[in-house]
Amino acid sequence: RPILTIANAIDEGIYEDLLSLAQELHSQKMEGIYVE
């Protein structure tokens, strides 16, 4: 939320790129966390 807020205040394109990155990293994180 803090990073997306700053990105949204700067530029809509930067916000969209960061949101896509957040979704991608979240998917990778979930794969690593819930291996068992």
PDB file of all heavy atoms in Angstrom:
ATOM      1  N   ARG A   1       0.801  -1.230   0.000  1.00  0.00           N
ATOM      2  CA  ARG A   1       0.000   0.000   0.000  1.00  0.00           C
ATOM      3  C   ARG A   1       0.836   1.284   0.000  1.00  0.00           C
ATOM      4  O   ARG A   1       0.565   2.200  -0.786  1.00  0.00           O
ATOM      5  CB  ARG A   1      -0.917  -0.029   1.217  1.00  0.00           C
ATOM      6  CG  ARG A   1      -1.905   1.119   1.322  1.00  0.00           C
ATOM      7  CD  ARG A   1      -2.603   1.037   2.662  1.00  0.00           C
ATOM      8  NE  ARG A   1      -3.708   1.966   2.804  1.00  0.00           N
ATOM      9  CZ  ARG A   1      -4.062   2.502   3.956  1.00  0.00           C
ATOM     10  NH1 ARG A   1      -3.400   2.177   5.046  1.00  0.00           N
ATOM     11  NH2 ARG A   1      -5.082   3.335   4.030  1.00  0.00           N
ATOM     12  N   PRO A   2       1.885   1.443   0.852  1.00  0.00           N
ATOM     13  CA  PRO A   2       2.674   2.684   0.798  1.00  0.00           C
ATOM     14  C   PRO A   2       3.335   2.912  -0.551  1.00  0.00           C
ATOM     15  O   PRO A   2       3.335   4.037  -1.072  1.00  0.00           O
ATOM     16  CB  PRO A   2       3.719   2.478   1.904  1.00  0.00           C
ATOM     17  CG  PRO A   2       3.129   1.455   2.821  1.00  0.00           C
ATOM     18  CD  PRO A   2       2.337   0.548   1.932  1.00  0.00           C
ATOM     19  N   ILE A   3       3.908   1.847  -1.133  1.00  0.00           N
ATOM     20  CA  ILE A   3       4.619   1.993  -2.402  1.00  0.00           C
ATOM     21  C   ILE A   3       3.651   2.281  -3.539  1.00  0.00           C
ATOM     22  O   ILE A   3       3.911   3.137  -4.403  1.00  0.00           O
ATOM     23  CB  ILE A   3       5.441   0.719  -2.685  1.00  0.00           C
ATOM     24  CG1 ILE A   3       6.453   0.508  -1.566  1.00  0.00           C
ATOM     25  CG2 ILE A   3       6.145   0.803  -4.039  1.00  0.00           C
ATOM     26  CD1 ILE A   3       7.208  -0.769  -1.650  1.00  0.00           C
ATOM     27  N   LEU A   4       2.520   1.603  -3.555  1.00  0.00           N
ATOM     28  CA  LEU A   4       1.520   1.864  -4.593  1.00  0.00           C
ATOM     29  C   LEU A   4       0.963   3.283  -4.465  1.00  0.00           C
ATOM     30  O   LEU A   4       0.662   3.933  -5.470  1.00  0.00           O
ATOM     31  CB  LEU A   4       0.386   0.839  -4.486  1.00  0.00           C
ATOM     32  CG  LEU A   4       0.743  -0.601  -4.863  1.00  0.00           C
ATOM     33  CD1 LEU A   4      -0.435  -1.533  -4.577  1.00  0.00           C
ATOM     34  CD2 LEU A   4       1.138  -0.696  -6.337  1.00  0.00           C
ATOM     35  N   THR A   5       0.832   3.771  -3.238  1.00  0.00           N
ATOM     36  CA  THR A   5       0.333   5.130  -3.030  1.00  0.00           C
ATOM     37  C   THR A   5       1.295   6.161  -3.611  1.00  0.00           C
ATOM     38  O   THR A   5       0.888   7.091  -4.330  1.00  0.00           O
ATOM     39  CB  THR A   5       0.123   5.401  -1.540  1.00  0.00           C
ATOM     40  OG1 THR A   5      -0.888   4.525  -1.038  1.00  0.00           O
ATOM     41  CG2 THR A   5      -0.301   6.839  -1.304  1.00  0.00           C
ATOM     42  N   ILE A   6       2.588   6.007  -3.316  1.00  0.00           N
ATOM     43  CA  ILE A   6       3.585   6.937  -3.851  1.00  0.00           C
ATOM     44  C   ILE A   6       3.614   6.853  -5.374  1.00  0.00           C
ATOM     45  O   ILE A   6       3.675   7.874  -6.074  1.00  0.00           O
ATOM     46  CB  ILE A   6       4.978   6.626  -3.268  1.00  0.00           C
ATOM     47  CG1 ILE A   6       4.962   6.761  -1.747  1.00  0.00           C
ATOM     48  CG2 ILE A   6       6.026   7.551  -3.881  1.00  0.00           C
ATOM     49  CD1 ILE A   6       4.618   8.133  -1.240  1.00  0.00           C
ATOM     50  N   ALA A   7       3.556   5.629  -5.914  1.00  0.00           N
ATOM     51  CA  ALA A   7       3.557   5.468  -7.363  1.00  0.00           C
ATOM     52  C   ALA A   7       2.338   6.133  -7.999  1.00  0.00           C
ATOM     53  O   ALA A   7       2.440   6.779  -9.049  1.00  0.00           O
ATOM     54  CB  ALA A   7       3.590   3.981  -7.725  1.00  0.00           C
ATOM     55  N   ASN A   8       1.188   6.005  -7.365  1.00  0.00           N
ATOM     56  CA  ASN A   8      -0.035   6.612  -7.877  1.00  0.00           C
ATOM     57  C   ASN A   8       0.048   8.138  -7.864  1.00  0.00           C
ATOM     58  O   ASN A   8      -0.476   8.817  -8.745  1.00  0.00           O
ATOM     59  CB  ASN A   8      -1.228   6.139  -7.058  1.00  0.00           C
ATOM     60  CG  ASN A   8      -2.555   6.592  -7.646  1.00  0.00           C
ATOM     61  OD1 ASN A   8      -2.828   6.356  -8.816  1.00  0.00           O
ATOM     62  ND2 ASN A   8      -3.379   7.230  -6.841  1.00  0.00           N
ATOM     63  N   ALA A   9       0.741   8.682  -6.852  1.00  0.00           N
ATOM     64  CA  ALA A   9       0.913  10.134  -6.774  1.00  0.00           C
ATOM     65  C   ALA A   9       1.869  10.650  -7.849  1.00  0.00           C
ATOM     66  O   ALA A   9       1.778  11.819  -8.256  1.00  0.00           O
ATOM     67  CB  ALA A   9       1.422  10.522  -5.396  1.00  0.00           C
ATOM     68  N   ILE A  10       2.777   9.788  -8.317  1.00  0.00           N
ATOM     69  CA  ILE A  10       3.772  10.211  -9.311  1.00  0.00           C
ATOM     70  C   ILE A  10       3.227  10.106 -10.729  1.00  0.00           C
ATOM     71  O   ILE A  10       3.216  11.070 -11.497  1.00  0.00           O
ATOM     72  CB  ILE A  10       5.059   9.377  -9.170  1.00  0.00           C
ATOM     73  CG1 ILE A  10       5.707   9.635  -7.800  1.00  0.00           C
ATOM     74  CG2 ILE A  10       6.046   9.693 -10.285  1.00  0.00           C
ATOM     75  CD1 ILE A  10       6.858   8.715  -7.490  1.00  0.00           C
ATOM     76  N   ASP A  11       2.734   8.890 -11.096  1.00  0.00           N
ATOM     77  CA  ASP A  11       2.326   8.670 -12.478  1.00  0.00           C
ATOM     78  C   ASP A  11       1.477   7.401 -12.552  1.00  0.00           C
ATOM     79  O   ASP A  11       1.802   6.394 -11.919  1.00  0.00           O
ATOM     80  CB  ASP A  11       3.559   8.522 -13.383  1.00  0.00           C
ATOM     81  CG  ASP A  11       3.190   8.313 -14.833  1.00  0.00           C
ATOM     82  OD1 ASP A  11       2.868   9.308 -15.507  1.00  0.00           O
ATOM     83  OD2 ASP A  11       3.230   7.152 -15.286  1.00  0.00           O
ATOM     84  N   GLU A  12       0.420   7.436 -13.346  1.00  0.00           N
ATOM     85  CA  GLU A  12      -0.477   6.288 -13.461  1.00  0.00           C
ATOM     86  C   GLU A  12       0.226   5.087 -14.083  1.00  0.00           C
ATOM     87  O   GLU A  12      -0.009   3.937 -13.693  1.00  0.00           O
ATOM     88  CB  GLU A  12      -1.699   6.664 -14.297  1.00  0.00           C
ATOM     89  CG  GLU A  12      -2.744   5.550 -14.364  1.00  0.00           C
ATOM     90  CD  GLU A  12      -4.001   5.960 -15.111  1.00  0.00           C
ATOM     91  OE1 GLU A  12      -4.138   7.170 -15.426  1.00  0.00           O
ATOM     92  OE2 GLU A  12      -4.841   5.083 -15.372  1.00  0.00           O
ATOM     93  N   GLY A  13       1.125   5.341 -15.049  1.00  0.00           N
ATOM     94  CA  GLY A  13       1.861   4.243 -15.676  1.00  0.00           C
ATOM     95  C   GLY A  13       2.771   3.530 -14.694  1.00  0.00           C
ATOM     96  O   GLY A  13       2.858   2.295 -14.696  1.00  0.00           O
ATOM     97  N   ILE A  14       3.455   4.304 -13.851  1.00  0.00           N
ATOM     98  CA  ILE A  14       4.313   3.707 -12.824  1.00  0.00           C
ATOM     99  C   ILE A  14       3.475   2.890 -11.853  1.00  0.00           C
ATOM    100  O   ILE A  14       3.867   1.790 -11.437  1.00  0.00           O
ATOM    101  CB  ILE A  14       5.089   4.809 -12.079  1.00  0.00           C
ATOM    102  CG1 ILE A  14       6.053   5.509 -13.028  1.00  0.00           C
ATOM    103  CG2 ILE A  14       5.853   4.222 -10.888  1.00  0.00           C
ATOM    104  CD1 ILE A  14       6.787   6.667 -12.402  1.00  0.00           C
ATOM    105  N   TYR A  15       2.307   3.403 -11.504  1.00  0.00           N
ATOM    106  CA  TYR A  15       1.404   2.673 -10.599  1.00  0.00           C
ATOM    107  C   TYR A  15       0.994   1.329 -11.191  1.00  0.00           C
ATOM    108  O   TYR A  15       1.038   0.304 -10.511  1.00  0.00           O
ATOM    109  CB  TYR A  15       0.174   3.534 -10.311  1.00  0.00           C
ATOM    110  CG  TYR A  15      -0.942   2.783  -9.612  1.00  0.00           C
ATOM    111  CD1 TYR A  15      -0.859   2.501  -8.255  1.00  0.00           C
ATOM    112  CD2 TYR A  15      -2.067   2.344 -10.307  1.00  0.00           C
ATOM    113  CE1 TYR A  15      -1.868   1.801  -7.606  1.00  0.00           C
ATOM    114  CE2 TYR A  15      -3.075   1.647  -9.668  1.00  0.00           C
ATOM    115  CZ  TYR A  15      -2.974   1.377  -8.326  1.00  0.00           C
ATOM    116  OH  TYR A  15      -3.975   0.678  -7.694  1.00  0.00           O
ATOM    117  N   GLU A  16       0.616   1.311 -12.460  1.00  0.00           N
ATOM    118  CA  GLU A  16       0.191   0.068 -13.104  1.00  0.00           C
ATOM    119  C   GLU A  16       1.350  -0.931 -13.176  1.00  0.00           C
ATOM    120  O   GLU A  16       1.156  -2.131 -12.956  1.00  0.00           O
ATOM    121  CB  GLU A  16      -0.353   0.356 -14.501  1.00  0.00           C
ATOM    122  CG  GLU A  16      -1.635   1.170 -14.517  1.00  0.00           C
ATOM    123  CD  GLU A  16      -2.807   0.435 -13.889  1.00  0.00           C
ATOM    124  OE1 GLU A  16      -2.763  -0.817 -13.835  1.00  0.00           O
ATOM    125  OE2 GLU A  16      -3.759   1.107 -13.447  1.00  0.00           O
ATOM    126  N   ASP A  17       2.556  -0.445 -13.485  1.00  0.00           N
ATOM    127  CA  ASP A  17       3.718  -1.333 -13.545  1.00  0.00           C
ATOM    128  C   ASP A  17       4.011  -1.946 -12.179  1.00  0.00           C
ATOM    129  O   ASP A  17       4.295  -3.144 -12.069  1.00  0.00           O
ATOM    130  CB  ASP A  17       4.947  -0.562 -14.040  1.00  0.00           C
ATOM    131  CG  ASP A  17       4.850  -0.189 -15.514  1.00  0.00           C
ATOM    132  OD1 ASP A  17       4.010  -0.786 -16.221  1.00  0.00           O
ATOM    133  OD2 ASP A  17       5.606   0.705 -15.944  1.00  0.00           O
ATOM    134  N   LEU A  18       3.938  -1.134 -11.134  1.00  0.00           N
ATOM    135  CA  LEU A  18       4.213  -1.639  -9.785  1.00  0.00           C
ATOM    136  C   LEU A  18       3.137  -2.614  -9.321  1.00  0.00           C
ATOM    137  O   LEU A  18       3.430  -3.595  -8.641  1.00  0.00           O
ATOM    138  CB  LEU A  18       4.330  -0.476  -8.803  1.00  0.00           C
ATOM    139  CG  LEU A  18       5.723   0.116  -8.631  1.00  0.00           C
ATOM    140  CD1 LEU A  18       5.689   1.312  -7.706  1.00  0.00           C
ATOM    141  CD2 LEU A  18       6.697  -0.923  -8.106  1.00  0.00           C
ATOM    142  N   LEU A  19       1.900  -2.354  -9.694  1.00  0.00           N
ATOM    143  CA  LEU A  19       0.821  -3.261  -9.318  1.00  0.00           C
ATOM    144  C   LEU A  19       1.017  -4.620  -9.990  1.00  0.00           C
ATOM    145  O   LEU A  19       0.830  -5.676  -9.358  1.00  0.00           O
ATOM    146  CB  LEU A  19      -0.531  -2.670  -9.717  1.00  0.00           C
ATOM    147  CG  LEU A  19      -1.763  -3.485  -9.338  1.00  0.00           C
ATOM    148  CD1 LEU A  19      -1.820  -3.735  -7.836  1.00  0.00           C
ATOM    149  CD2 LEU A  19      -3.042  -2.786  -9.806  1.00  0.00           C
ATOM    150  N   SER A  20       1.423  -4.624 -11.263  1.00  0.00           N
ATOM    151  CA  SER A  20       1.707  -5.886 -11.952  1.00  0.00           C
ATOM    152  C   SER A  20       2.873  -6.616 -11.290  1.00  0.00           C
ATOM    153  O   SER A  20       2.837  -7.846 -11.125  1.00  0.00           O
ATOM    154  CB  SER A  20       2.031  -5.619 -13.426  1.00  0.00           C
ATOM    155  OG  SER A  20       0.932  -5.047 -14.089  1.00  0.00           O
ATOM    156  N   LEU A  21       3.907  -5.852 -10.909  1.00  0.00           N
ATOM    157  CA  LEU A  21       5.046  -6.461 -10.217  1.00  0.00           C
ATOM    158  C   LEU A  21       4.616  -7.047  -8.878  1.00  0.00           C
ATOM    159  O   LEU A  21       5.046  -8.142  -8.509  1.00  0.00           O
ATOM    160  CB  LEU A  21       6.140  -5.412 -10.007  1.00  0.00           C
ATOM    161  CG  LEU A  21       7.364  -5.871  -9.201  1.00  0.00           C
ATOM    162  CD1 LEU A  21       8.102  -6.984  -9.920  1.00  0.00           C
ATOM    163  CD2 LEU A  21       8.303  -4.690  -8.934  1.00  0.00           C
ATOM    164  N   ALA A  22       3.764  -6.336  -8.147  1.00  0.00           N
ATOM    165  CA  ALA A  22       3.289  -6.826  -6.852  1.00  0.00           C
ATOM    166  C   ALA A  22       2.548  -8.146  -7.012  1.00  0.00           C
ATOM    167  O   ALA A  22       2.741  -9.079  -6.221  1.00  0.00           O
ATOM    168  CB  ALA A  22       2.383  -5.780  -6.211  1.00  0.00           C
ATOM    169  N   GLN A  23       1.713  -8.255  -8.042  1.00  0.00           N
ATOM    170  CA  GLN A  23       0.969  -9.492  -8.280  1.00  0.00           C
ATOM    171  C   GLN A  23       1.910 -10.632  -8.640  1.00  0.00           C
ATOM    172  O   GLN A  23       1.747 -11.767  -8.173  1.00  0.00           O
ATOM    173  CB  GLN A  23      -0.056  -9.265  -9.389  1.00  0.00           C
ATOM    174  CG  GLN A  23      -1.188  -8.336  -8.999  1.00  0.00           C
ATOM    175  CD  GLN A  23      -2.116  -8.047 -10.165  1.00  0.00           C
ATOM    176  OE1 GLN A  23      -1.829  -7.234 -11.033  1.00  0.00           O
ATOM    177  NE2 GLN A  23      -3.245  -8.732 -10.196  1.00  0.00           N
ATOM    178  N   GLU A  24       2.903 -10.331  -9.462  1.00  0.00           N
ATOM    179  CA  GLU A  24       3.865 -11.360  -9.871  1.00  0.00           C
ATOM    180  C   GLU A  24       4.681 -11.859  -8.682  1.00  0.00           C
ATOM    181  O   GLU A  24       4.846 -13.076  -8.478  1.00  0.00           O
ATOM    182  CB  GLU A  24       4.798 -10.796 -10.939  1.00  0.00           C
ATOM    183  CG  GLU A  24       5.854 -11.780 -11.425  1.00  0.00           C
ATOM    184  CD  GLU A  24       6.805 -11.164 -12.432  1.00  0.00           C
ATOM    185  OE1 GLU A  24       6.495 -10.076 -12.963  1.00  0.00           O
ATOM    186  OE2 GLU A  24       7.872 -11.777 -12.679  1.00  0.00           O
ATOM    187  N   LEU A  25       5.195 -10.927  -7.870  1.00  0.00           N
ATOM    188  CA  LEU A  25       5.978 -11.325  -6.703  1.00  0.00           C
ATOM    189  C   LEU A  25       5.130 -12.063  -5.675  1.00  0.00           C
ATOM    190  O   LEU A  25       5.616 -12.976  -4.999  1.00  0.00           O
ATOM    191  CB  LEU A  25       6.617 -10.091  -6.067  1.00  0.00           C
ATOM    192  CG  LEU A  25       7.696  -9.381  -6.887  1.00  0.00           C
ATOM    193  CD1 LEU A  25       8.228  -8.165  -6.133  1.00  0.00           C
ATOM    194  CD2 LEU A  25       8.824 -10.330  -7.240  1.00  0.00           C
ATOM    195  N   HIS A  26       3.861 -11.671  -5.561  1.00  0.00           N
ATOM    196  CA  HIS A  26       2.969 -12.366  -4.625  1.00  0.00           C
ATOM    197  C   HIS A  26       2.781 -13.821  -5.048  1.00  0.00           C
ATOM    198  O   HIS A  26       2.816 -14.727  -4.205  1.00  0.00           O
ATOM    199  CB  HIS A  26       1.627 -11.657  -4.576  1.00  0.00           C
ATOM    200  CG  HIS A  26       0.601 -12.343  -3.724  1.00  0.00           C
ATOM    201  ND1 HIS A  26       0.786 -12.584  -2.377  1.00  0.00           N
ATOM    202  CD2 HIS A  26      -0.613 -12.877  -4.047  1.00  0.00           C
ATOM    203  CE1 HIS A  26      -0.263 -13.217  -1.899  1.00  0.00           C
ATOM    204  NE2 HIS A  26      -1.118 -13.406  -2.881  1.00  0.00           N
ATOM    205  N   SER A  27       2.601 -14.061  -6.336  1.00  0.00           N
ATOM    206  CA  SER A  27       2.446 -15.433  -6.829  1.00  0.00           C
ATOM    207  C   SER A  27       3.697 -16.259  -6.547  1.00  0.00           C
ATOM    208  O   SER A  27       3.618 -17.404  -6.094  1.00  0.00           O
ATOM    209  CB  SER A  27       2.158 -15.421  -8.337  1.00  0.00           C
ATOM    210  OG  SER A  27       0.949 -14.748  -8.613  1.00  0.00           O
ATOM    211  N   GLN A  28       4.879 -15.664  -6.794  1.00  0.00           N
ATOM    212  CA  GLN A  28       6.126 -16.368  -6.522  1.00  0.00           C
ATOM    213  C   GLN A  28       6.281 -16.654  -5.034  1.00  0.00           C
ATOM    214  O   GLN A  28       6.726 -17.733  -4.637  1.00  0.00           O
ATOM    215  CB  GLN A  28       7.303 -15.532  -7.022  1.00  0.00           C
ATOM    216  CG  GLN A  28       7.344 -15.344  -8.525  1.00  0.00           C
ATOM    217  CD  GLN A  28       8.463 -14.420  -8.958  1.00  0.00           C
ATOM    218  OE1 GLN A  28       9.289 -13.980  -8.154  1.00  0.00           O
ATOM    219  NE2 GLN A  28       8.506 -14.110 -10.244  1.00  0.00           N
ATOM    220  N   LYS A  29       5.906 -15.693  -4.209  1.00  0.00           N
ATOM    221  CA  LYS A  29       6.025 -15.852  -2.761  1.00  0.00           C
ATOM    222  C   LYS A  29       5.124 -16.980  -2.266  1.00  0.00           C
ATOM    223  O   LYS A  29       5.526 -17.799  -1.431  1.00  0.00           O
ATOM    224  CB  LYS A  29       5.677 -14.544  -2.056  1.00  0.00           C
ATOM    225  CG  LYS A  29       5.911 -14.573  -0.559  1.00  0.00           C
ATOM    226  CD  LYS A  29       5.323 -13.344   0.103  1.00  0.00           C
ATOM    227  CE  LYS A  29       5.968 -12.073  -0.377  1.00  0.00           C
ATOM    228  NZ  LYS A  29       5.462 -10.881   0.350  1.00  0.00           N
ATOM    229  N   MET A  30       3.897 -17.030  -2.771  1.00  0.00           N
ATOM    230  CA  MET A  30       2.965 -18.068  -2.341  1.00  0.00           C
ATOM    231  C   MET A  30       3.461 -19.456  -2.721  1.00  0.00           C
ATOM    232  O   MET A  30       3.292 -20.419  -1.972  1.00  0.00           O
ATOM    233  CB  MET A  30       1.585 -17.817  -2.947  1.00  0.00           C
ATOM    234  CG  MET A  30       0.858 -16.601  -2.391  1.00  0.00           C
ATOM    235  SD  MET A  30       0.586 -16.675  -0.582  1.00  0.00           S
ATOM    236  CE  MET A  30       1.933 -15.611  -0.003  1.00  0.00           C
ATOM    237  N   GLU A  31       4.084 -19.570  -3.876  1.00  0.00           N
ATOM    238  CA  GLU A  31       4.638 -20.863  -4.278  1.00  0.00           C
ATOM    239  C   GLU A  31       5.731 -21.316  -3.324  1.00  0.00           C
ATOM    240  O   GLU A  31       5.859 -22.496  -3.012  1.00  0.00           O
ATOM    241  CB  GLU A  31       5.192 -20.773  -5.699  1.00  0.00           C
ATOM    242  CG  GLU A  31       4.127 -20.653  -6.776  1.00  0.00           C
ATOM    243  CD  GLU A  31       4.722 -20.590  -8.173  1.00  0.00           C
ATOM    244  OE1 GLU A  31       5.965 -20.754  -8.280  1.00  0.00           O
ATOM    245  OE2 GLU A  31       3.971 -20.381  -9.133  1.00  0.00           O
ATOM    246  N   GLY A  32       6.536 -20.353  -2.852  1.00  0.00           N
ATOM    247  CA  GLY A  32       7.612 -20.701  -1.931  1.00  0.00           C
ATOM    248  C   GLY A  32       7.140 -20.942  -0.518  1.00  0.00           C
ATOM    249  O   GLY A  32       7.666 -21.801   0.186  1.00  0.00           O
ATOM    250  N   ILE A  33       6.113 -20.198  -0.081  1.00  0.00           N
ATOM    251  CA  ILE A  33       5.647 -20.308   1.302  1.00  0.00           C
ATOM    252  C   ILE A  33       4.871 -21.593   1.531  1.00  0.00           C
ATOM    253  O   ILE A  33       5.015 -22.261   2.555  1.00  0.00           O
ATOM    254  CB  ILE A  33       4.786 -19.083   1.672  1.00  0.00           C
ATOM    255  CG1 ILE A  33       5.674 -17.840   1.783  1.00  0.00           C
ATOM    256  CG2 ILE A  33       4.027 -19.317   2.974  1.00  0.00           C
ATOM    257  CD1 ILE A  33       4.914 -16.569   2.076  1.00  0.00           C
ATOM    258  N   TYR A  34       4.032 -21.971   0.570  1.00  0.00           N
ATOM    259  CA  TYR A  34       3.122 -23.113   0.778  1.00  0.00           C
ATOM    260  C   TYR A  34       3.586 -24.371   0.046  1.00  0.00           C
ATOM    261  O   TYR A  34       2.788 -25.115  -0.500  1.00  0.00           O
ATOM    262  CB  TYR A  34       1.717 -22.728   0.316  1.00  0.00           C
ATOM    263  CG  TYR A  34       1.102 -21.625   1.146  1.00  0.00           C
ATOM    264  CD1 TYR A  34       0.933 -20.347   0.629  1.00  0.00           C
ATOM    265  CD2 TYR A  34       0.730 -21.852   2.466  1.00  0.00           C
ATOM    266  CE1 TYR A  34       0.388 -19.330   1.399  1.00  0.00           C
ATOM    267  CE2 TYR A  34       0.190 -20.842   3.242  1.00  0.00           C
ATOM    268  CZ  TYR A  34       0.011 -19.586   2.704  1.00  0.00           C
ATOM    269  OH  TYR A  34      -0.518 -18.587   3.463  1.00  0.00           O
ATOM    270  N   VAL A  35       4.898 -24.609   0.042  1.00  0.00           N
ATOM    271  CA  VAL A  35       5.441 -25.795  -0.629  1.00  0.00           C
ATOM    272  C   VAL A  35       4.938 -27.077   0.033  1.00  0.00           C
ATOM    273  O   VAL A  35       4.493 -28.018  -0.641  1.00  0.00           O
ATOM    274  CB  VAL A  35       6.984 -25.750  -0.627  1.00  0.00           C
ATOM    275  CG1 VAL A  35       7.549 -27.078  -1.126  1.00  0.00           C
ATOM    276  CG2 VAL A  35       7.476 -24.609  -1.495  1.00  0.00           C
ATOM    277  N   GLU A  36       4.985 -27.127   1.369  1.00  0.00           N
ATOM    278  CA  GLU A  36       4.571 -28.341   2.065  1.00  0.00           C
ATOM    279  C   GLU A  36       3.085 -28.607   1.855  1.00  0.00           C
ATOM    280  O   GLU A  36       2.679 -29.763   1.629  1.00  0.00           O
ATOM    281  CB  GLU A  36       4.879 -28.221   3.560  1.00  0.00           C
ATOM    282  CG  GLU A  36       6.367 -28.163   3.869  1.00  0.00           C
ATOM    283  CD  GLU A  36       6.635 -28.093   5.355  1.00  0.00           C
ATOM    284  OE1 GLU A  36       5.652 -28.075   6.123  1.00  0.00           O
ATOM    285  OE2 GLU A  36       7.815 -28.064   5.757  1.00  0.00           O
TER     286      GLU A  36
END
